[in-house]
Amino acid sequence: MDQDKVAQNEQVSQTQSGNEESSNLPNTGELVYEAKKARKKAQEAQAKVEQLQSQIKAIEDAKLKEQENYKQLSERLEEENDSLKNDADKGRKLVDSLQKIWMLKKPWIL
C-alpha cells in the first residue's frame, strides 16, 4: 500500500511539473505576431531614417546655395551623378547579358 501511494505521488508531481513547463512555453502564434510587429517597426524606423537623411541633404544643399558655394555643391552633385552613371552602366550590361543568354536558349524566336 505504501508503495502504491508513493507511485501515485510521483505521478502527480510529474504531471504538475509537466503542466508548469508547458505553461512556461510561449505560444508560437504570439511569437510570430511579435516577430512581425518587430519587423514592421524596424522597417518603419529604416524608412524614417532614409527620409531624415534626404531632408538633411536638402537642407545642406540649400545652405550651400545661400552661401553661394556652388563649387562644393557642383562637386557633390558630380560625384553623385558619376555614381548613378556607373550603376546605370552595370544595369545595361546586366540586361544585355541576360538578353544574350535568353536569345541563345530561344533561337527560334526572332
N, C-alpha and C. Protein backbone atom coordinates (compact mmCIF):
# COMPACT_ATOMS: atom_id res chain seq x y z
N MET A 1 0.80 -1.18 0.00
CA MET A 1 0.00 0.00 0.00
C MET A 1 0.85 1.26 0.00
N ASP A 2 1.89 1.26 0.79
CA ASP A 2 2.76 2.42 0.85
C ASP A 2 3.42 2.67 -0.50
N GLN A 3 3.78 1.60 -1.16
CA GLN A 3 4.42 1.74 -2.46
C GLN A 3 3.44 2.32 -3.48
N ASP A 4 2.18 1.94 -3.40
CA ASP A 4 1.17 2.48 -4.31
C ASP A 4 1.01 3.99 -4.10
N LYS A 5 0.97 4.42 -2.83
CA LYS A 5 0.84 5.84 -2.53
C LYS A 5 2.04 6.63 -3.03
N VAL A 6 3.24 6.07 -2.89
CA VAL A 6 4.46 6.72 -3.35
C VAL A 6 4.43 6.85 -4.87
N ALA A 7 3.99 5.79 -5.56
CA ALA A 7 3.92 5.80 -7.01
C ALA A 7 2.91 6.84 -7.49
N GLN A 8 1.77 6.94 -6.80
CA GLN A 8 0.76 7.92 -7.18
C GLN A 8 1.26 9.34 -6.94
N ASN A 9 1.95 9.55 -5.86
CA ASN A 9 2.50 10.87 -5.57
C ASN A 9 3.53 11.29 -6.62
N GLU A 10 4.35 10.33 -7.07
CA GLU A 10 5.34 10.62 -8.10
C GLU A 10 4.65 10.99 -9.41
N GLN A 11 3.58 10.28 -9.76
CA GLN A 11 2.85 10.57 -11.00
C GLN A 11 2.21 11.95 -10.92
N VAL A 12 1.64 12.29 -9.81
CA VAL A 12 1.00 13.59 -9.64
C VAL A 12 2.03 14.69 -9.75
N SER A 13 3.18 14.51 -9.11
CA SER A 13 4.22 15.54 -9.17
C SER A 13 4.77 15.68 -10.59
N GLN A 14 4.88 14.56 -11.31
CA GLN A 14 5.37 14.61 -12.69
C GLN A 14 4.39 15.36 -13.59
N THR A 15 3.10 15.10 -13.44
CA THR A 15 2.12 15.79 -14.27
C THR A 15 2.05 17.26 -13.93
N GLN A 16 2.23 17.61 -12.67
CA GLN A 16 2.23 19.01 -12.28
C GLN A 16 3.43 19.73 -12.86
N SER A 17 4.59 19.09 -12.82
CA SER A 17 5.79 19.73 -13.39
C SER A 17 5.66 19.84 -14.90
N GLY A 18 5.01 18.85 -15.54
CA GLY A 18 4.78 18.91 -16.98
C GLY A 18 3.86 20.06 -17.34
N ASN A 19 2.84 20.30 -16.54
CA ASN A 19 1.93 21.41 -16.77
C ASN A 19 2.63 22.74 -16.59
N GLU A 20 3.50 22.82 -15.58
CA GLU A 20 4.25 24.05 -15.36
C GLU A 20 5.17 24.36 -16.53
N GLU A 21 5.81 23.32 -17.06
CA GLU A 21 6.71 23.52 -18.20
C GLU A 21 5.93 23.99 -19.41
N SER A 22 4.78 23.39 -19.68
CA SER A 22 4.00 23.79 -20.85
C SER A 22 3.44 25.20 -20.68
N SER A 23 3.12 25.60 -19.47
CA SER A 23 2.63 26.96 -19.27
C SER A 23 3.76 27.97 -19.39
N ASN A 24 4.99 27.55 -19.15
CA ASN A 24 6.13 28.45 -19.29
C ASN A 24 6.52 28.67 -20.75
N LEU A 25 6.16 27.74 -21.63
CA LEU A 25 6.48 27.88 -23.05
C LEU A 25 5.53 28.89 -23.69
N PRO A 26 6.06 29.88 -24.41
CA PRO A 26 5.18 30.86 -25.04
C PRO A 26 4.46 30.25 -26.24
N ASN A 27 3.33 30.79 -26.53
CA ASN A 27 2.53 30.34 -27.66
C ASN A 27 3.25 30.75 -28.95
N THR A 28 3.35 29.84 -29.90
CA THR A 28 4.06 30.15 -31.15
C THR A 28 3.34 31.23 -31.93
N GLY A 29 2.03 31.27 -31.85
CA GLY A 29 1.28 32.33 -32.53
C GLY A 29 1.67 33.70 -32.00
N GLU A 30 1.85 33.78 -30.70
CA GLU A 30 2.27 35.04 -30.10
C GLU A 30 3.66 35.42 -30.56
N LEU A 31 4.55 34.42 -30.66
CA LEU A 31 5.92 34.70 -31.11
C LEU A 31 5.93 35.22 -32.54
N VAL A 32 5.12 34.60 -33.40
CA VAL A 32 5.05 35.04 -34.79
C VAL A 32 4.51 36.46 -34.86
N TYR A 33 3.48 36.73 -34.09
CA TYR A 33 2.90 38.08 -34.06
C TYR A 33 3.93 39.11 -33.60
N GLU A 34 4.65 38.78 -32.55
CA GLU A 34 5.66 39.70 -32.03
C GLU A 34 6.79 39.91 -33.04
N ALA A 35 7.17 38.84 -33.74
CA ALA A 35 8.23 38.96 -34.75
C ALA A 35 7.78 39.87 -35.89
N LYS A 36 6.53 39.69 -36.34
CA LYS A 36 6.02 40.54 -37.41
C LYS A 36 5.94 41.99 -36.96
N LYS A 37 5.52 42.18 -35.74
CA LYS A 37 5.40 43.52 -35.18
C LYS A 37 6.78 44.19 -35.11
N ALA A 38 7.78 43.43 -34.67
CA ALA A 38 9.14 43.96 -34.57
C ALA A 38 9.70 44.27 -35.96
N ARG A 39 9.43 43.39 -36.93
CA ARG A 39 9.92 43.61 -38.29
C ARG A 39 9.29 44.87 -38.88
N LYS A 40 7.99 45.04 -38.68
CA LYS A 40 7.30 46.22 -39.20
C LYS A 40 7.86 47.49 -38.56
N LYS A 41 8.11 47.42 -37.26
CA LYS A 41 8.66 48.57 -36.55
C LYS A 41 10.06 48.92 -37.08
N ALA A 42 10.86 47.90 -37.36
CA ALA A 42 12.21 48.13 -37.89
C ALA A 42 12.14 48.74 -39.29
N GLN A 43 11.20 48.26 -40.11
CA GLN A 43 11.05 48.81 -41.46
C GLN A 43 10.61 50.26 -41.41
N GLU A 44 9.70 50.57 -40.50
CA GLU A 44 9.25 51.96 -40.35
C GLU A 44 10.39 52.84 -39.89
N ALA A 45 11.20 52.33 -38.98
CA ALA A 45 12.34 53.10 -38.49
C ALA A 45 13.34 53.35 -39.62
N GLN A 46 13.59 52.33 -40.44
CA GLN A 46 14.51 52.48 -41.56
C GLN A 46 13.99 53.51 -42.57
N ALA A 47 12.70 53.48 -42.84
CA ALA A 47 12.11 54.45 -43.75
C ALA A 47 12.24 55.86 -43.20
N LYS A 48 12.03 55.99 -41.90
CA LYS A 48 12.15 57.30 -41.25
C LYS A 48 13.59 57.81 -41.34
N VAL A 49 14.56 56.92 -41.14
CA VAL A 49 15.97 57.31 -41.22
C VAL A 49 16.29 57.79 -42.64
N GLU A 50 15.83 57.06 -43.64
CA GLU A 50 16.09 57.46 -45.02
C GLU A 50 15.45 58.80 -45.34
N GLN A 51 14.23 59.02 -44.84
CA GLN A 51 13.54 60.28 -45.06
C GLN A 51 14.32 61.43 -44.41
N LEU A 52 14.77 61.23 -43.19
CA LEU A 52 15.51 62.27 -42.48
C LEU A 52 16.84 62.56 -43.15
N GLN A 53 17.50 61.51 -43.67
CA GLN A 53 18.77 61.72 -44.37
C GLN A 53 18.56 62.56 -45.62
N SER A 54 17.48 62.29 -46.34
CA SER A 54 17.22 63.09 -47.54
C SER A 54 16.88 64.54 -47.18
N GLN A 55 16.18 64.73 -46.06
CA GLN A 55 15.88 66.09 -45.61
C GLN A 55 17.15 66.83 -45.22
N ILE A 56 18.06 66.14 -44.54
CA ILE A 56 19.33 66.75 -44.15
C ILE A 56 20.12 67.16 -45.38
N LYS A 57 20.15 66.29 -46.38
CA LYS A 57 20.88 66.60 -47.61
C LYS A 57 20.27 67.81 -48.31
N ALA A 58 18.93 67.88 -48.34
CA ALA A 58 18.27 69.01 -48.97
C ALA A 58 18.59 70.31 -48.22
N ILE A 59 18.62 70.24 -46.90
CA ILE A 59 18.95 71.42 -46.09
C ILE A 59 20.39 71.86 -46.35
N GLU A 60 21.31 70.89 -46.42
CA GLU A 60 22.71 71.22 -46.69
C GLU A 60 22.87 71.86 -48.07
N ASP A 61 22.15 71.32 -49.06
CA ASP A 61 22.20 71.90 -50.40
C ASP A 61 21.66 73.32 -50.41
N ALA A 62 20.58 73.53 -49.68
CA ALA A 62 20.01 74.88 -49.61
C ALA A 62 20.99 75.85 -48.95
N LYS A 63 21.68 75.40 -47.91
CA LYS A 63 22.66 76.26 -47.24
C LYS A 63 23.81 76.60 -48.18
N LEU A 64 24.25 75.60 -48.95
CA LEU A 64 25.34 75.87 -49.89
C LEU A 64 24.90 76.88 -50.95
N LYS A 65 23.66 76.77 -51.38
CA LYS A 65 23.16 77.74 -52.37
C LYS A 65 23.09 79.14 -51.77
N GLU A 66 22.62 79.21 -50.52
CA GLU A 66 22.54 80.51 -49.85
C GLU A 66 23.92 81.14 -49.70
N GLN A 67 24.90 80.33 -49.40
CA GLN A 67 26.26 80.83 -49.21
C GLN A 67 26.97 81.03 -50.54
N GLU A 68 26.26 80.73 -51.61
CA GLU A 68 26.81 80.82 -52.96
C GLU A 68 28.09 80.00 -53.09
N ASN A 69 28.07 78.85 -52.47
CA ASN A 69 29.19 77.92 -52.55
C ASN A 69 28.86 76.87 -53.62
N TYR A 70 28.72 77.36 -54.82
CA TYR A 70 28.28 76.50 -55.92
C TYR A 70 29.34 75.47 -56.30
N LYS A 71 30.58 75.79 -56.08
CA LYS A 71 31.64 74.86 -56.44
C LYS A 71 31.52 73.57 -55.64
N GLN A 72 31.34 73.68 -54.33
CA GLN A 72 31.21 72.49 -53.49
C GLN A 72 29.93 71.74 -53.84
N LEU A 73 28.86 72.46 -54.08
CA LEU A 73 27.61 71.84 -54.46
C LEU A 73 27.75 71.11 -55.79
N SER A 74 28.43 71.72 -56.71
CA SER A 74 28.65 71.12 -58.02
C SER A 74 29.48 69.85 -57.91
N GLU A 75 30.51 69.89 -57.07
CA GLU A 75 31.35 68.70 -56.88
C GLU A 75 30.55 67.56 -56.29
N ARG A 76 29.71 67.85 -55.30
CA ARG A 76 28.90 66.81 -54.68
C ARG A 76 27.93 66.20 -55.72
N LEU A 77 27.29 67.07 -56.49
CA LEU A 77 26.34 66.57 -57.49
C LEU A 77 27.06 65.79 -58.59
N GLU A 78 28.27 66.20 -58.91
CA GLU A 78 29.04 65.48 -59.92
C GLU A 78 29.41 64.08 -59.43
N GLU A 79 29.79 63.97 -58.17
CA GLU A 79 30.11 62.65 -57.60
C GLU A 79 28.88 61.75 -57.60
N GLU A 80 27.75 62.32 -57.22
CA GLU A 80 26.50 61.55 -57.21
C GLU A 80 26.12 61.12 -58.62
N ASN A 81 26.31 62.02 -59.58
CA ASN A 81 26.00 61.72 -60.96
C ASN A 81 26.90 60.61 -61.49
N ASP A 82 28.18 60.66 -61.16
CA ASP A 82 29.10 59.60 -61.60
C ASP A 82 28.70 58.24 -61.01
N SER A 83 28.31 58.25 -59.76
CA SER A 83 27.88 57.01 -59.12
C SER A 83 26.65 56.44 -59.81
N LEU A 84 25.71 57.32 -60.12
CA LEU A 84 24.49 56.87 -60.80
C LEU A 84 24.79 56.37 -62.22
N LYS A 85 25.73 57.02 -62.89
CA LYS A 85 26.12 56.56 -64.23
C LYS A 85 26.73 55.17 -64.16
N ASN A 86 27.58 54.94 -63.17
CA ASN A 86 28.18 53.61 -63.01
C ASN A 86 27.11 52.56 -62.77
N ASP A 87 26.15 52.88 -61.92
CA ASP A 87 25.05 51.94 -61.65
C ASP A 87 24.24 51.68 -62.92
N ALA A 88 24.00 52.72 -63.70
CA ALA A 88 23.23 52.57 -64.94
C ALA A 88 24.00 51.70 -65.93
N ASP A 89 25.31 51.89 -66.03
CA ASP A 89 26.12 51.08 -66.93
C ASP A 89 26.09 49.60 -66.52
N LYS A 90 26.20 49.36 -65.22
CA LYS A 90 26.13 47.98 -64.73
C LYS A 90 24.78 47.37 -65.06
N GLY A 91 23.73 48.15 -64.92
CA GLY A 91 22.38 47.66 -65.23
C GLY A 91 22.23 47.35 -66.71
N ARG A 92 22.76 48.23 -67.56
CA ARG A 92 22.69 47.97 -69.01
C ARG A 92 23.46 46.71 -69.38
N LYS A 93 24.65 46.53 -68.80
CA LYS A 93 25.44 45.33 -69.08
C LYS A 93 24.70 44.08 -68.63
N LEU A 94 24.07 44.15 -67.49
CA LEU A 94 23.30 43.01 -66.99
C LEU A 94 22.14 42.69 -67.92
N VAL A 95 21.41 43.71 -68.35
CA VAL A 95 20.28 43.49 -69.26
C VAL A 95 20.78 42.89 -70.57
N ASP A 96 21.87 43.42 -71.11
CA ASP A 96 22.42 42.89 -72.36
C ASP A 96 22.82 41.43 -72.22
N SER A 97 23.49 41.09 -71.13
CA SER A 97 23.93 39.71 -70.94
C SER A 97 22.72 38.79 -70.76
N LEU A 98 21.71 39.24 -70.06
CA LEU A 98 20.50 38.42 -69.90
C LEU A 98 19.77 38.23 -71.23
N GLN A 99 19.76 39.27 -72.05
CA GLN A 99 19.14 39.14 -73.36
C GLN A 99 19.90 38.16 -74.24
N LYS A 100 21.21 38.20 -74.19
CA LYS A 100 22.02 37.26 -74.98
C LYS A 100 21.78 35.83 -74.53
N ILE A 101 21.75 35.63 -73.23
CA ILE A 101 21.50 34.29 -72.70
C ILE A 101 20.13 33.81 -73.12
N TRP A 102 19.14 34.68 -73.03
CA TRP A 102 17.78 34.31 -73.39
C TRP A 102 17.69 33.98 -74.88
N MET A 103 18.37 34.77 -75.71
CA MET A 103 18.34 34.52 -77.16
C MET A 103 19.02 33.20 -77.50
N LEU A 104 20.06 32.83 -76.76
CA LEU A 104 20.73 31.56 -77.01
C LEU A 104 19.82 30.39 -76.63
N LYS A 105 19.02 30.55 -75.61
CA LYS A 105 18.13 29.49 -75.20
C LYS A 105 16.89 29.41 -76.07
N LYS A 106 16.49 30.52 -76.69
CA LYS A 106 15.30 30.56 -77.52
C LYS A 106 15.66 31.06 -78.93
N PRO A 107 16.41 30.28 -79.70
CA PRO A 107 16.83 30.77 -81.01
C PRO A 107 15.68 30.82 -82.03
N TRP A 108 14.62 30.11 -81.78
CA TRP A 108 13.52 30.07 -82.72
C TRP A 108 12.64 31.30 -82.66
N ILE A 109 12.84 32.17 -81.69
CA ILE A 109 12.05 33.40 -81.58
C ILE A 109 12.89 34.54 -82.15
N LEU A 110 12.47 35.07 -83.26
CA LEU A 110 13.15 36.22 -83.86
C LEU A 110 12.18 37.08 -84.58
